[in-house]
C-alpha atoms as a PDB file:
ATOM      1  CA  MET A   1    -145.042  31.621 172.202  1.00  0.00           C
ATOM      2  CA  ILE A   2    -145.338  34.300 174.865  1.00  0.00           C
ATOM      3  CA  ARG A   3    -147.525  33.976 177.955  1.00  0.00           C
ATOM      4  CA  ALA A   4    -148.766  37.285 179.350  1.00  0.00           C
ATOM      5  CA  GLY A   5    -150.829  37.755 182.474  1.00  0.00           C
ATOM      6  CA  SER A   6    -152.572  40.085 184.870  1.00  0.00           C
ATOM      7  CA  TRP A   7    -152.767  39.580 188.636  1.00  0.00           C
ATOM      8  CA  ASN A   8    -153.912  41.534 191.667  1.00  0.00           C
ATOM      9  CA  VAL A   9    -151.586  40.291 194.408  1.00  0.00           C
ATOM     10  CA  GLY A  10    -153.098  42.400 197.204  1.00  0.00           C
ATOM     11  CA  THR A  11    -149.617  43.363 198.348  1.00  0.00           C
ATOM     12  CA  LEU A  12    -146.147  42.542 197.050  1.00  0.00           C
ATOM     13  CA  THR A  13    -144.417  43.040 200.376  1.00  0.00           C
ATOM     14  CA  GLY A  14    -142.925  39.712 201.433  1.00  0.00           C
ATOM     15  CA  LYS A  15    -144.288  37.984 198.314  1.00  0.00           C
ATOM     16  CA  CYS A  16    -141.668  38.813 195.677  1.00  0.00           C
ATOM     17  CA  TYR A  17    -139.900  35.452 195.617  1.00  0.00           C
ATOM     18  CA  GLU A  18    -143.173  33.540 195.908  1.00  0.00           C
ATOM     19  CA  LEU A  19    -144.522  35.526 192.940  1.00  0.00           C
ATOM     20  CA  VAL A  20    -141.423  34.908 190.829  1.00  0.00           C
ATOM     21  CA  GLU A  21    -141.524  31.189 191.615  1.00  0.00           C
ATOM     22  CA  THR A  22    -145.174  31.060 190.537  1.00  0.00           C
ATOM     23  CA  LEU A  23    -144.389  32.851 187.257  1.00  0.00           C
ATOM     24  CA  ARG A  24    -141.510  30.493 186.597  1.00  0.00           C
ATOM     25  CA  LYS A  25    -143.648  27.376 187.174  1.00  0.00           C
ATOM     26  CA  ARG A  26    -146.495  28.736 185.072  1.00  0.00           C
ATOM     27  CA  LYS A  27    -144.098  29.940 182.355  1.00  0.00           C
ATOM     28  CA  VAL A  28    -145.427  33.501 182.454  1.00  0.00           C
ATOM     29  CA  ASP A  29    -143.167  35.863 180.499  1.00  0.00           C
ATOM     30  CA  ILE A  30    -144.917  39.201 181.106  1.00  0.00           C
ATOM     31  CA  LEU A  31    -147.153  40.051 184.071  1.00  0.00           C
ATOM     32  CA  CYS A  32    -149.139  43.165 184.918  1.00  0.00           C
ATOM     33  CA  VAL A  33    -149.119  43.315 188.726  1.00  0.00           C
ATOM     34  CA  LYS A  34    -151.709  45.332 190.647  1.00  0.00           C
ATOM     35  CA  GLU A  35    -151.864  46.611 194.227  1.00  0.00           C
ATOM     36  CA  THR A  36    -148.190  46.155 195.060  1.00  0.00           C
ATOM     37  CA  ARG A  37    -148.632  48.654 197.926  1.00  0.00           C
ATOM     38  CA  TRP A  38    -145.147  49.939 197.150  1.00  0.00           C
ATOM     39  CA  LYS A  39    -144.492  53.670 197.302  1.00  0.00           C
ATOM     40  CA  GLY A  40    -142.755  55.723 194.628  1.00  0.00           C
ATOM     41  CA  ARG A  41    -141.476  54.295 191.384  1.00  0.00           C
ATOM     42  CA  GLY A  42    -138.462  52.352 190.167  1.00  0.00           C
ATOM     43  CA  ALA A  43    -137.227  48.978 188.955  1.00  0.00           C
ATOM     44  CA  VAL A  44    -135.794  45.959 190.751  1.00  0.00           C
ATOM     45  CA  LYS A  45    -134.416  42.647 189.496  1.00  0.00           C
ATOM     46  CA  ILE A  46    -135.778  39.544 191.195  1.00  0.00           C
ATOM     47  CA  LYS A  47    -134.075  36.366 189.986  1.00  0.00           C
ATOM     48  CA  ASP A  48    -134.887  36.034 186.246  1.00  0.00           C
ATOM     49  CA  TYR A  49    -137.529  38.803 186.242  1.00  0.00           C
ATOM     50  CA  LYS A  50    -137.356  42.565 186.297  1.00  0.00           C
ATOM     51  CA  LEU A  51    -140.136  44.498 188.002  1.00  0.00           C
ATOM     52  CA  TRP A  52    -141.055  48.066 187.058  1.00  0.00           C
ATOM     53  CA  PHE A  53    -143.351  49.606 189.639  1.00  0.00           C
ATOM     54  CA  SER A  54    -145.124  52.911 190.088  1.00  0.00           C
ATOM     55  CA  GLY A  55    -147.118  53.669 193.213  1.00  0.00           C
ATOM     56  CA  SER A  56    -148.565  56.609 195.093  1.00  0.00           C
ATOM     57  CA  ARG A  57    -146.583  58.558 197.652  1.00  0.00           C
ATOM     58  CA  VAL A  58    -148.798  57.178 200.373  1.00  0.00           C
ATOM     59  CA  ALA A  59    -149.913  53.555 200.453  1.00  0.00           C
ATOM     60  CA  ARG A  60    -153.666  53.203 199.947  1.00  0.00           C
ATOM     61  CA  ASN A  61    -156.049  50.353 200.580  1.00  0.00           C
ATOM     62  CA  GLY A  62    -159.015  49.473 198.412  1.00  0.00           C
ATOM     63  CA  VAL A  63    -160.011  50.571 194.961  1.00  0.00           C
ATOM     64  CA  GLY A  64    -162.787  53.041 195.773  1.00  0.00           C
ATOM     65  CA  LEU A  65    -162.455  56.027 193.467  1.00  0.00           C
ATOM     66  CA  ASP A  66    -164.724  58.996 193.009  1.00  0.00           C
ATOM     67  CA  ALA A  67    -165.970  60.157 189.607  1.00  0.00           C
ATOM     68  CA  ALA A  68    -163.157  62.689 189.152  1.00  0.00           C
ATOM     69  CA  GLU A  69    -160.470  60.081 189.847  1.00  0.00           C
ATOM     70  CA  LYS A  70    -162.079  57.616 187.436  1.00  0.00           C
ATOM     71  CA  ARG A  71    -162.224  60.257 184.722  1.00  0.00           C
ATOM     72  CA  HIS A  72    -158.588  61.148 185.339  1.00  0.00           C
ATOM     73  CA  PHE A  73    -157.633  57.456 185.088  1.00  0.00           C
ATOM     74  CA  TRP A  74    -159.356  56.944 181.716  1.00  0.00           C
ATOM     75  CA  GLU A  75    -157.990  60.211 180.335  1.00  0.00           C
ATOM     76  CA  SER A  76    -154.448  59.267 181.407  1.00  0.00           C
ATOM     77  CA  LEU A  77    -154.761  55.795 179.909  1.00  0.00           C
ATOM     78  CA  ASP A  78    -156.172  57.329 176.720  1.00  0.00           C
ATOM     79  CA  GLU A  79    -153.097  59.568 176.454  1.00  0.00           C
ATOM     80  CA  VAL A  80    -150.700  56.642 176.970  1.00  0.00           C
ATOM     81  CA  VAL A  81    -152.410  54.527 174.286  1.00  0.00           C
ATOM     82  CA  ARG A  82    -152.406  57.436 171.841  1.00  0.00           C
ATOM     83  CA  MET A  83    -148.619  57.705 172.245  1.00  0.00           C
ATOM     84  CA  CYS A  84    -148.126  54.030 171.323  1.00  0.00           C
ATOM     85  CA  PRO A  85    -147.375  53.735 167.555  1.00  0.00           C
ATOM     86  CA  LEU A  86    -149.981  51.765 165.633  1.00  0.00           C
ATOM     87  CA  ASP A  87    -147.382  49.345 164.279  1.00  0.00           C
ATOM     88  CA  HIS A  88    -146.325  48.361 167.839  1.00  0.00           C
ATOM     89  CA  ARG A  89    -147.819  45.506 169.833  1.00  0.00           C
ATOM     90  CA  LEU A  90    -150.033  46.775 172.651  1.00  0.00           C
ATOM     91  CA  LEU A  91    -151.159  44.812 175.705  1.00  0.00           C
ATOM     92  CA  ILE A  92    -153.140  46.302 178.601  1.00  0.00           C
ATOM     93  CA  GLY A  93    -153.580  44.202 181.705  1.00  0.00           C
ATOM     94  CA  GLY A  94    -155.582  45.664 184.528  1.00  0.00           C
ATOM     95  CA  TYR A  95    -157.836  45.299 187.527  1.00  0.00           C
ATOM     96  CA  LEU A  96    -160.430  47.604 185.987  1.00  0.00           C
ATOM     97  CA  ASN A  97    -163.086  46.936 188.632  1.00  0.00           C
ATOM     98  CA  GLY A  98    -165.931  46.717 186.122  1.00  0.00           C
ATOM     99  CA  HIS A  99    -168.146  43.923 184.821  1.00  0.00           C
ATOM    100  CA  ILE A 100    -168.594  43.668 181.051  1.00  0.00           C
ATOM    101  CA  GLY A 101    -171.035  40.771 181.443  1.00  0.00           C
ATOM    102  CA  THR A 102    -172.085  38.274 178.792  1.00  0.00           C
ATOM    103  CA  ASN A 103    -174.180  40.681 176.711  1.00  0.00           C
ATOM    104  CA  VAL A 104    -172.488  41.796 173.480  1.00  0.00           C
ATOM    105  CA  GLU A 105    -175.172  44.395 172.674  1.00  0.00           C
ATOM    106  CA  GLY A 106    -173.635  47.671 171.562  1.00  0.00           C
ATOM    107  CA  TYR A 107    -170.045  46.384 171.490  1.00  0.00           C
ATOM    108  CA  PRO A 108    -169.728  43.558 168.914  1.00  0.00           C
ATOM    109  CA  SER A 109    -166.253  44.667 167.857  1.00  0.00           C
ATOM    110  CA  ALA A 110    -164.760  44.678 171.369  1.00  0.00           C
ATOM    111  CA  HIS A 111    -166.783  41.978 173.172  1.00  0.00           C
ATOM    112  CA  GLY A 112    -166.506  38.358 172.075  1.00  0.00           C
ATOM    113  CA  GLY A 113    -169.640  37.133 173.870  1.00  0.00           C
ATOM    114  CA  PHE A 114    -167.972  34.942 176.500  1.00  0.00           C
ATOM    115  CA  GLY A 115    -168.036  37.251 179.491  1.00  0.00           C
ATOM    116  CA  TYR A 116    -169.113  36.515 183.034  1.00  0.00           C
ATOM    117  CA  GLY A 117    -172.084  37.736 185.037  1.00  0.00           C
ATOM    118  CA  VAL A 118    -174.046  40.905 184.339  1.00  0.00           C
ATOM    119  CA  ARG A 119    -172.640  44.189 183.048  1.00  0.00           C
ATOM    120  CA  ASN A 120    -172.544  46.897 185.719  1.00  0.00           C
ATOM    121  CA  GLU A 121    -172.266  50.681 185.415  1.00  0.00           C
ATOM    122  CA  GLU A 122    -168.471  50.520 185.084  1.00  0.00           C
ATOM    123  CA  GLY A 123    -168.610  47.962 182.262  1.00  0.00           C
ATOM    124  CA  PRO A 124    -169.457  50.429 179.449  1.00  0.00           C
ATOM    125  CA  SER A 125    -166.387  52.528 180.318  1.00  0.00           C
ATOM    126  CA  ILE A 126    -164.123  49.534 179.637  1.00  0.00           C
ATOM    127  CA  LEU A 127    -165.887  48.630 176.396  1.00  0.00           C
ATOM    128  CA  ASP A 128    -166.151  52.235 175.157  1.00  0.00           C
ATOM    129  CA  PHE A 129    -162.430  52.673 175.722  1.00  0.00           C
ATOM    130  CA  ALA A 130    -161.725  49.466 173.772  1.00  0.00           C
ATOM    131  CA  VAL A 131    -163.896  50.589 170.858  1.00  0.00           C
ATOM    132  CA  ALA A 132    -162.301  54.050 170.801  1.00  0.00           C
ATOM    133  CA  HIS A 133    -158.826  52.565 170.319  1.00  0.00           C
ATOM    134  CA  ASP A 134    -159.734  49.527 168.170  1.00  0.00           C
ATOM    135  CA  LEU A 135    -158.972  47.142 171.026  1.00  0.00           C
ATOM    136  CA  VAL A 136    -160.657  43.918 172.106  1.00  0.00           C
ATOM    137  CA  VAL A 137    -161.248  42.490 175.578  1.00  0.00           C
ATOM    138  CA  ALA A 138    -159.411  39.198 175.121  1.00  0.00           C
ATOM    139  CA  ASN A 139    -161.194  37.627 178.147  1.00  0.00           C
ATOM    140  CA  SER A 140    -164.450  37.584 176.205  1.00  0.00           C
ATOM    141  CA  PHE A 141    -163.223  35.746 173.093  1.00  0.00           C
ATOM    142  CA  PHE A 142    -162.616  32.307 174.640  1.00  0.00           C
ATOM    143  CA  LYS A 143    -165.345  29.972 175.842  1.00  0.00           C
ATOM    144  CA  LYS A 144    -164.389  28.799 179.318  1.00  0.00           C
ATOM    145  CA  THR A 145    -165.995  27.456 182.464  1.00  0.00           C
ATOM    146  CA  ASN A 146    -167.198  29.957 185.049  1.00  0.00           C
ATOM    147  CA  ALA A 147    -164.249  29.016 187.269  1.00  0.00           C
ATOM    148  CA  GLN A 148    -161.843  29.968 184.462  1.00  0.00           C
ATOM    149  CA  LEU A 149    -163.696  33.201 183.663  1.00  0.00           C
ATOM    150  CA  ALA A 150    -164.066  34.665 187.154  1.00  0.00           C
ATOM    151  CA  THR A 151    -160.956  36.428 188.483  1.00  0.00           C
ATOM    152  CA  PHE A 152    -162.143  37.401 191.988  1.00  0.00           C
ATOM    153  CA  HIS A 153    -163.750  35.242 194.670  1.00  0.00           C
ATOM    154  CA  SER A 154    -164.924  36.345 198.101  1.00  0.00           C
ATOM    155  CA  GLY A 155    -167.568  35.051 200.500  1.00  0.00           C
ATOM    156  CA  GLY A 156    -169.056  32.647 197.984  1.00  0.00           C
ATOM    157  CA  ASN A 157    -169.358  35.364 195.319  1.00  0.00           C
ATOM    158  CA  SER A 158    -167.395  35.422 192.080  1.00  0.00           C
ATOM    159  CA  THR A 159    -166.840  38.245 189.609  1.00  0.00           C
ATOM    160  CA  GLN A 160    -164.736  39.088 186.580  1.00  0.00           C
ATOM    161  CA  ILE A 161    -162.822  42.324 187.141  1.00  0.00           C
ATOM    162  CA  ASP A 162    -159.364  41.630 185.670  1.00  0.00           C
ATOM    163  CA  TYR A 163    -158.970  42.090 181.928  1.00  0.00           C
ATOM    164  CA  LEU A 164    -156.432  41.781 179.150  1.00  0.00           C
ATOM    165  CA  LEU A 165    -156.882  44.139 176.184  1.00  0.00           C
ATOM    166  CA  LEU A 166    -154.993  44.150 172.908  1.00  0.00           C
ATOM    167  CA  ARG A 167    -155.325  45.505 169.385  1.00  0.00           C
ATOM    168  CA  LYS A 168    -158.102  44.001 167.290  1.00  0.00           C
ATOM    169  CA  GLY A 169    -155.631  42.928 164.605  1.00  0.00           C
ATOM    170  CA  ASP A 170    -153.561  40.987 167.177  1.00  0.00           C
ATOM    171  CA  LEU A 171    -156.489  38.869 168.385  1.00  0.00           C
ATOM    172  CA  ARG A 172    -155.539  36.189 165.867  1.00  0.00           C
ATOM    173  CA  THR A 173    -152.252  35.710 167.726  1.00  0.00           C
ATOM    174  CA  CYS A 174    -154.116  34.534 170.862  1.00  0.00           C
ATOM    175  CA  ARG A 175    -154.171  30.803 171.426  1.00  0.00           C
ATOM    176  CA  ASP A 176    -155.717  30.580 174.894  1.00  0.00           C
ATOM    177  CA  ARG A 177    -156.904  32.642 177.847  1.00  0.00           C
ATOM    178  CA  LYS A 178    -157.989  31.560 181.324  1.00  0.00           C
ATOM    179  CA  ALA A 179    -157.877  32.312 185.040  1.00  0.00           C
ATOM    180  CA  LEU A 180    -155.728  29.830 186.952  1.00  0.00           C
ATOM    181  CA  THR A 181    -157.575  28.358 189.918  1.00  0.00           C
ATOM    182  CA  ASP A 182    -154.882  26.707 192.047  1.00  0.00           C
ATOM    183  CA  LEU A 183    -152.537  29.530 193.090  1.00  0.00           C
ATOM    184  CA  THR A 184    -152.021  30.858 196.621  1.00  0.00           C
ATOM    185  CA  CYS A 185    -150.074  34.109 196.187  1.00  0.00           C
ATOM    186  CA  SER A 186    -153.390  35.993 196.380  1.00  0.00           C
ATOM    187  CA  SER A 187    -156.231  34.346 198.265  1.00  0.00           C
ATOM    188  CA  GLN A 188    -159.071  36.185 196.485  1.00  0.00           C
ATOM    189  CA  HIS A 189    -157.698  37.188 193.077  1.00  0.00           C
ATOM    190  CA  ARG A 190    -156.727  34.716 190.404  1.00  0.00           C
ATOM    191  CA  LEU A 191    -153.908  34.927 187.894  1.00  0.00           C
ATOM    192  CA  LEU A 192    -155.270  35.682 184.424  1.00  0.00           C
ATOM    193  CA  VAL A 193    -153.033  34.390 181.618  1.00  0.00           C
ATOM    194  CA  MET A 194    -153.117  34.598 177.837  1.00  0.00           C
ATOM    195  CA  ASP A 195    -150.939  32.716 175.343  1.00  0.00           C
ATOM    196  CA  LEU A 196    -149.774  34.640 172.276  1.00  0.00           C
ATOM    197  CA  VAL A 197    -147.959  33.381 169.201  1.00  0.00           C
ATOM    198  CA  LEU A 198    -146.124  36.417 167.871  1.00  0.00           C
ATOM    199  CA  LYS A 199    -144.136  36.631 164.666  1.00  0.00           C
ATOM    200  CA  ARG A 200    -141.779  39.376 163.710  1.00  0.00           C
ATOM    201  CA  ARG A 201    -143.642  41.840 161.536  1.00  0.00           C
ATOM    202  CA  VAL A 202    -142.146  42.365 158.093  1.00  0.00           C
ATOM    203  CA  THR A 203    -141.931  46.041 157.275  1.00  0.00           C
ATOM    204  CA  LYS A 204    -142.934  46.645 153.694  1.00  0.00           C
ATOM    205  CA  SER A 205    -140.511  48.818 151.805  1.00  0.00           C
ATOM    206  CA  VAL A 206    -142.201  51.806 150.242  1.00  0.00           C
ATOM    207  CA  ARG A 207    -141.118  52.259 146.659  1.00  0.00           C
ATOM    208  CA  PRO A 208    -140.860  55.847 145.488  1.00  0.00           C
ATOM    209  CA  VAL A 209    -143.702  56.669 143.142  1.00  0.00           C
ATOM    210  CA  GLN A 210    -142.726  58.515 139.975  1.00  0.00           C
ATOM    211  CA  PRO A 211    -145.186  61.163 138.749  1.00  0.00           C
ATOM    212  CA  LYS A 212    -147.224  59.824 135.838  1.00  0.00           C
ATOM    213  CA  ILE A 213    -146.727  61.832 132.629  1.00  0.00           C
ATOM    214  CA  LEU A 214    -149.930  62.640 130.729  1.00  0.00           C
ATOM    215  CA  TRP A 215    -148.859  61.188 127.368  1.00  0.00           C
ATOM    216  CA  LYS A 216    -152.493  61.246 126.200  1.00  0.00           C
ATOM    217  CA  LYS A 217    -152.097  65.000 125.705  1.00  0.00           C
ATOM    218  CA  LEU A 218    -149.378  64.490 123.087  1.00  0.00           C
ATOM    219  CA  ASN A 219    -151.243  66.072 120.173  1.00  0.00           C
ATOM    220  CA  GLY A 220    -151.813  69.414 118.538  1.00  0.00           C
ATOM    221  CA  GLU A 221    -150.114  72.434 120.118  1.00  0.00           C
ATOM    222  CA  LYS A 222    -148.736  70.467 123.079  1.00  0.00           C
ATOM    223  CA  ALA A 223    -147.058  67.998 120.710  1.00  0.00           C
ATOM    224  CA  GLU A 224    -145.311  70.882 118.944  1.00  0.00           C
ATOM    225  CA  THR A 225    -144.230  72.347 122.282  1.00  0.00           C
ATOM    226  CA  PHE A 226    -142.859  68.984 123.377  1.00  0.00           C
ATOM    227  CA  LYS A 227    -140.937  68.584 120.101  1.00  0.00           C
ATOM    228  CA  THR A 228    -139.431  72.086 120.382  1.00  0.00           C
ATOM    229  CA  LEU A 229    -138.286  71.496 123.978  1.00  0.00           C
ATOM    230  CA  VAL A 230    -136.588  68.216 123.078  1.00  0.00           C
ATOM    231  CA  VAL A 231    -134.766  69.710 120.071  1.00  0.00           C
ATOM    232  CA  GLU A 232    -133.578  72.765 122.035  1.00  0.00           C
ATOM    233  CA  ARG A 233    -132.205  70.666 124.898  1.00  0.00           C
ATOM    234  CA  VAL A 234    -130.487  68.209 122.562  1.00  0.00           C
ATOM    235  CA  LYS A 235    -128.826  71.072 120.645  1.00  0.00           C
ATOM    236  CA  ALA A 236    -127.656  72.633 123.899  1.00  0.00           C
ATOM    237  CA  ASP A 237    -125.796  69.411 124.812  1.00  0.00           C
ATOM    238  CA  VAL A 238    -125.072  68.041 121.336  1.00  0.00           C
ATOM    239  CA  GLU A 239    -121.762  66.568 122.487  1.00  0.00           C
ATOM    240  CA  MET A 240    -123.713  64.019 124.557  1.00  0.00           C
ATOM    241  CA  ILE A 241    -125.318  62.642 121.360  1.00  0.00           C
ATOM    242  CA  SER A 242    -121.935  61.929 119.738  1.00  0.00           C
ATOM    243  CA  HIS A 243    -120.509  60.419 122.938  1.00  0.00           C
ATOM    244  CA  ASP A 244    -118.736  57.071 122.573  1.00  0.00           C
ATOM    245  CA  ASP A 245    -120.430  55.713 125.715  1.00  0.00           C
ATOM    246  CA  VAL A 246    -123.807  54.334 124.572  1.00  0.00           C
ATOM    247  CA  GLU A 247    -125.145  54.085 128.129  1.00  0.00           C
ATOM    248  CA  LYS A 248    -124.471  57.769 128.838  1.00  0.00           C
ATOM    249  CA  MET A 249    -126.017  58.803 125.532  1.00  0.00           C
ATOM    250  CA  TRP A 250    -129.164  56.759 126.200  1.00  0.00           C
ATOM    251  CA  THR A 251    -129.497  58.091 129.765  1.00  0.00           C
ATOM    252  CA  PHE A 252    -129.184  61.662 128.482  1.00  0.00           C
ATOM    253  CA  LEU A 253    -131.835  61.220 125.780  1.00  0.00           C
ATOM    254  CA  ALA A 254    -134.280  59.452 128.110  1.00  0.00           C
ATOM    255  CA  SER A 255    -133.891  62.129 130.769  1.00  0.00           C
ATOM    256  CA  THR A 256    -134.281  64.934 128.191  1.00  0.00           C
ATOM    257  CA  ILE A 257    -137.462  63.446 126.738  1.00  0.00           C
ATOM    258  CA  ARG A 258    -138.960  62.773 130.192  1.00  0.00           C
ATOM    259  CA  GLU A 259    -138.308  66.269 131.524  1.00  0.00           C
ATOM    260  CA  ALA A 260    -139.620  67.897 128.329  1.00  0.00           C
ATOM    261  CA  ALA A 261    -142.761  65.784 128.518  1.00  0.00           C
ATOM    262  CA  LYS A 262    -143.393  66.810 132.144  1.00  0.00           C
ATOM    263  CA  GLU A 263    -143.067  70.465 131.222  1.00  0.00           C
ATOM    264  CA  ALA A 264    -145.170  70.298 128.051  1.00  0.00           C
ATOM    265  CA  LEU A 265    -147.814  67.721 128.964  1.00  0.00           C
ATOM    266  CA  GLY A 266    -147.937  67.841 132.755  1.00  0.00           C
ATOM    267  CA  VAL A 267    -148.215  64.979 135.286  1.00  0.00           C
ATOM    268  CA  ALA A 268    -151.199  63.202 136.857  1.00  0.00           C
ATOM    269  CA  GLU A 269    -152.351  64.232 140.306  1.00  0.00           C
ATOM    270  CA  GLY A 270    -153.552  61.800 142.943  1.00  0.00           C
ATOM    271  CA  THR A 271    -150.632  59.382 142.710  1.00  0.00           C
ATOM    272  CA  LEU A 272    -150.274  56.332 144.946  1.00  0.00           C
ATOM    273  CA  ALA A 273    -148.310  58.347 147.480  1.00  0.00           C
ATOM    274  CA  GLY A 274    -151.083  60.921 147.570  1.00  0.00           C
ATOM    275  CA  ARG A 275    -153.737  58.265 148.089  1.00  0.00           C
ATOM    276  CA  THR A 276    -151.697  56.754 150.897  1.00  0.00           C
ATOM    277  CA  ARG A 277    -151.553  60.090 152.693  1.00  0.00           C
ATOM    278  CA  VAL A 278    -155.313  60.518 152.288  1.00  0.00           C
ATOM    279  CA  GLU A 279    -155.940  57.037 153.703  1.00  0.00           C
ATOM    280  CA  GLU A 280    -153.724  57.783 156.689  1.00  0.00           C
ATOM    281  CA  ARG A 281    -155.569  61.034 157.358  1.00  0.00           C
ATOM    282  CA  TYR A 282    -158.898  59.172 157.110  1.00  0.00           C
ATOM    283  CA  LYS A 283    -157.770  56.498 159.589  1.00  0.00           C
ATOM    284  CA  GLU A 284    -156.542  59.145 162.017  1.00  0.00           C
ATOM    285  CA  ALA A 285    -159.830  61.057 161.721  1.00  0.00           C
ATOM    286  CA  LYS A 286    -161.739  57.816 162.322  1.00  0.00           C
ATOM    287  CA  ARG A 287    -159.720  57.119 165.466  1.00  0.00           C
ATOM    288  CA  GLU A 288    -160.301  60.643 166.742  1.00  0.00           C
ATOM    289  CA  ALA A 289    -164.044  60.279 166.098  1.00  0.00           C
ATOM    290  CA  LYS A 290    -164.161  57.039 168.097  1.00  0.00           C
ATOM    291  CA  LYS A 291    -162.309  58.679 170.971  1.00  0.00           C
ATOM    292  CA  ALA A 292    -164.704  61.630 170.908  1.00  0.00           C
ATOM    293  CA  VAL A 293    -167.647  59.231 171.087  1.00  0.00           C
ATOM    294  CA  PHE A 294    -165.979  57.414 173.996  1.00  0.00           C
ATOM    295  CA  ARG A 295    -165.524  60.647 175.949  1.00  0.00           C
ATOM    296  CA  ALA A 296    -169.068  61.809 175.166  1.00  0.00           C
ATOM    297  CA  LYS A 297    -170.612  58.489 176.229  1.00  0.00           C
ATOM    298  CA  ASP A 298    -168.543  58.472 179.413  1.00  0.00           C
ATOM    299  CA  LYS A 299    -169.855  61.922 180.333  1.00  0.00           C
ATOM    300  CA  ALA A 300    -173.420  60.930 179.405  1.00  0.00           C
ATOM    301  CA  TYR A 301    -173.251  57.879 181.677  1.00  0.00           C
ATOM    302  CA  GLU A 302    -171.831  60.016 184.466  1.00  0.00           C
ATOM    303  CA  ASP A 303    -174.684  62.538 184.115  1.00  0.00           C
ATOM    304  CA  LEU A 304    -177.233  59.713 184.006  1.00  0.00           C
ATOM    305  CA  TYR A 305    -175.926  58.045 187.169  1.00  0.00           C
ATOM    306  CA  ARG A 306    -175.841  61.389 188.965  1.00  0.00           C
ATOM    307  CA  LYS A 307    -179.442  62.005 187.949  1.00  0.00           C
ATOM    308  CA  LEU A 308    -180.588  58.539 188.988  1.00  0.00           C
ATOM    309  CA  ASP A 309    -179.021  59.037 192.427  1.00  0.00           C
ATOM    310  CA  SER A 310    -181.208  62.091 192.985  1.00  0.00           C
ATOM    311  CA  LYS A 311    -184.799  62.132 194.279  1.00  0.00           C
ATOM    312  CA  GLU A 312    -186.085  63.113 190.830  1.00  0.00           C
ATOM    313  CA  GLY A 313    -184.432  60.042 189.355  1.00  0.00           C
ATOM    314  CA  ALA A 314    -186.741  57.600 191.150  1.00  0.00           C
ATOM    315  CA  ASN A 315    -189.423  57.937 188.475  1.00  0.00           C
ATOM    316  CA  ASP A 316    -186.832  57.476 185.721  1.00  0.00           C
ATOM    317  CA  ILE A 317    -185.615  54.248 187.334  1.00  0.00           C
ATOM    318  CA  TYR A 318    -189.207  52.998 187.513  1.00  0.00           C
ATOM    319  CA  ARG A 319    -189.807  53.763 183.813  1.00  0.00           C
ATOM    320  CA  ILE A 320    -186.537  52.089 182.775  1.00  0.00           C
ATOM    321  CA  ALA A 321    -187.403  48.976 184.806  1.00  0.00           C
ATOM    322  CA  LYS A 322    -190.854  48.768 183.207  1.00  0.00           C
ATOM    323  CA  ALA A 323    -189.412  49.196 179.715  1.00  0.00           C
ATOM    324  CA  ARG A 324    -186.860  46.420 180.296  1.00  0.00           C
ATOM    325  CA  GLU A 325    -189.577  44.150 181.670  1.00  0.00           C
ATOM    326  CA  ARG A 326    -191.703  44.726 178.563  1.00  0.00           C
ATOM    327  CA  ARG A 327    -188.774  43.943 176.273  1.00  0.00           C
ATOM    328  CA  ARG A 328    -188.292  40.568 177.974  1.00  0.00           C
ATOM    329  CA  LYS A 329    -191.873  39.528 177.299  1.00  0.00           C
ATOM    330  CA  ASP A 330    -192.980  37.689 174.179  1.00  0.00           C
ATOM    331  CA  LEU A 331    -195.961  40.051 173.889  1.00  0.00           C
ATOM    332  CA  ASP A 332    -195.371  43.753 174.012  1.00  0.00           C
ATOM    333  CA  SER A 333    -198.215  45.929 172.748  1.00  0.00           C
ATOM    334  CA  THR A 334    -200.918  43.281 172.180  1.00  0.00           C
ATOM    335  CA  LYS A 335    -203.725  43.917 174.704  1.00  0.00           C
ATOM    336  CA  PHE A 336    -206.464  41.652 173.334  1.00  0.00           C
ATOM    337  CA  ILE A 337    -207.163  39.159 170.591  1.00  0.00           C
ATOM    338  CA  LYS A 338    -210.138  37.095 169.437  1.00  0.00           C
ATOM    339  CA  ASN A 339    -210.352  33.315 169.603  1.00  0.00           C
ATOM    340  CA  GLU A 340    -211.848  30.953 167.012  1.00  0.00           C
ATOM    341  CA  ALA A 341    -215.325  31.701 168.332  1.00  0.00           C
ATOM    342  CA  SER A 342    -214.736  35.457 167.889  1.00  0.00           C
ATOM    343  CA  GLN A 343    -214.647  35.939 171.663  1.00  0.00           C
ATOM    344  CA  THR A 344    -212.271  38.623 172.947  1.00  0.00           C
ATOM    345  CA  LEU A 345    -209.351  37.348 175.024  1.00  0.00           C
ATOM    346  CA  VAL A 346    -207.720  39.792 177.444  1.00  0.00           C
ATOM    347  CA  LYS A 347    -205.722  37.554 179.761  1.00  0.00           C
ATOM    348  CA  GLU A 348    -202.037  37.368 178.903  1.00  0.00           C
ATOM    349  CA  ASP A 349    -201.745  33.573 179.139  1.00  0.00           C
ATOM    350  CA  GLU A 350    -204.802  33.111 176.904  1.00  0.00           C
ATOM    351  CA  ILE A 351    -203.448  35.601 174.370  1.00  0.00           C
ATOM    352  CA  ARG A 352    -200.091  33.820 174.307  1.00  0.00           C
ATOM    353  CA  LYS A 353    -201.756  30.421 173.856  1.00  0.00           C
ATOM    354  CA  ARG A 354    -203.899  31.757 170.984  1.00  0.00           C
END
């Protein structure tokens, strides 16, 4: 079993040995560390762990990013994931600063239904990215207490902003996922861990597919052509027929007949190898379509938020709020109804009771 995790430590300066000791006690094998506040990039060995880090040239505080920086982040992550072969294990751990909430609507393949809180405007970006690459948000597939779901606590408020994503097909390898509540390396952020039971994947050997000869055409003119080709080739190498080695003679005759049949009768198209290539092209096209949808939705959300921030967007916000309020009601379009005495009821509570 492998235990992977994700943790925002606030800063790694002066905390390296404390962090390593925590990972050792909690038996964490792989950890995605955020906000190290280290400059540049490199790798250092700390006791039994090796840390690869990549930071900006200038240390920065906070996670406030403008729209352009967010777009650049998702595009860069998209490029990295695309470079990862599909037969490789993929794990993304990150402080993605978005809330996917408990609502699965629109994302049943990526969201397991056990989120935390309410989805905010950054939540769809996380879920759209997961859908585009056939990933799942592992946090949402395990029923836990609120304390084990929330990964950030401050001033009496709790949110879920750290996530672990992996390929949909690898979800079955997950045995548990939770936020640990009793660690002190980061006062506000909690260590998010996930237990995986991984087995070595067996690579299936691909057997070469021989072209299928169209023996059903062995009649009429084609049968005569086939017969002529076999006779001519046997006469050309007649010494092989009288050879003392039976195995060589049989191999020669079988090869002569097979090659003559291919030439006279032809071979079937659309072999297994051909179908495999078509399936691969279909899967690749499907992935590209999902990614295109992800990018289009991301831009649409960006345009919508920009519009809602404007003065003209006030009316749109009002209409959206009214529409959502109507959807929450048991009665939507019913304005009146008659009672048993054929009297018209117009009050909502009376209509509902009727």
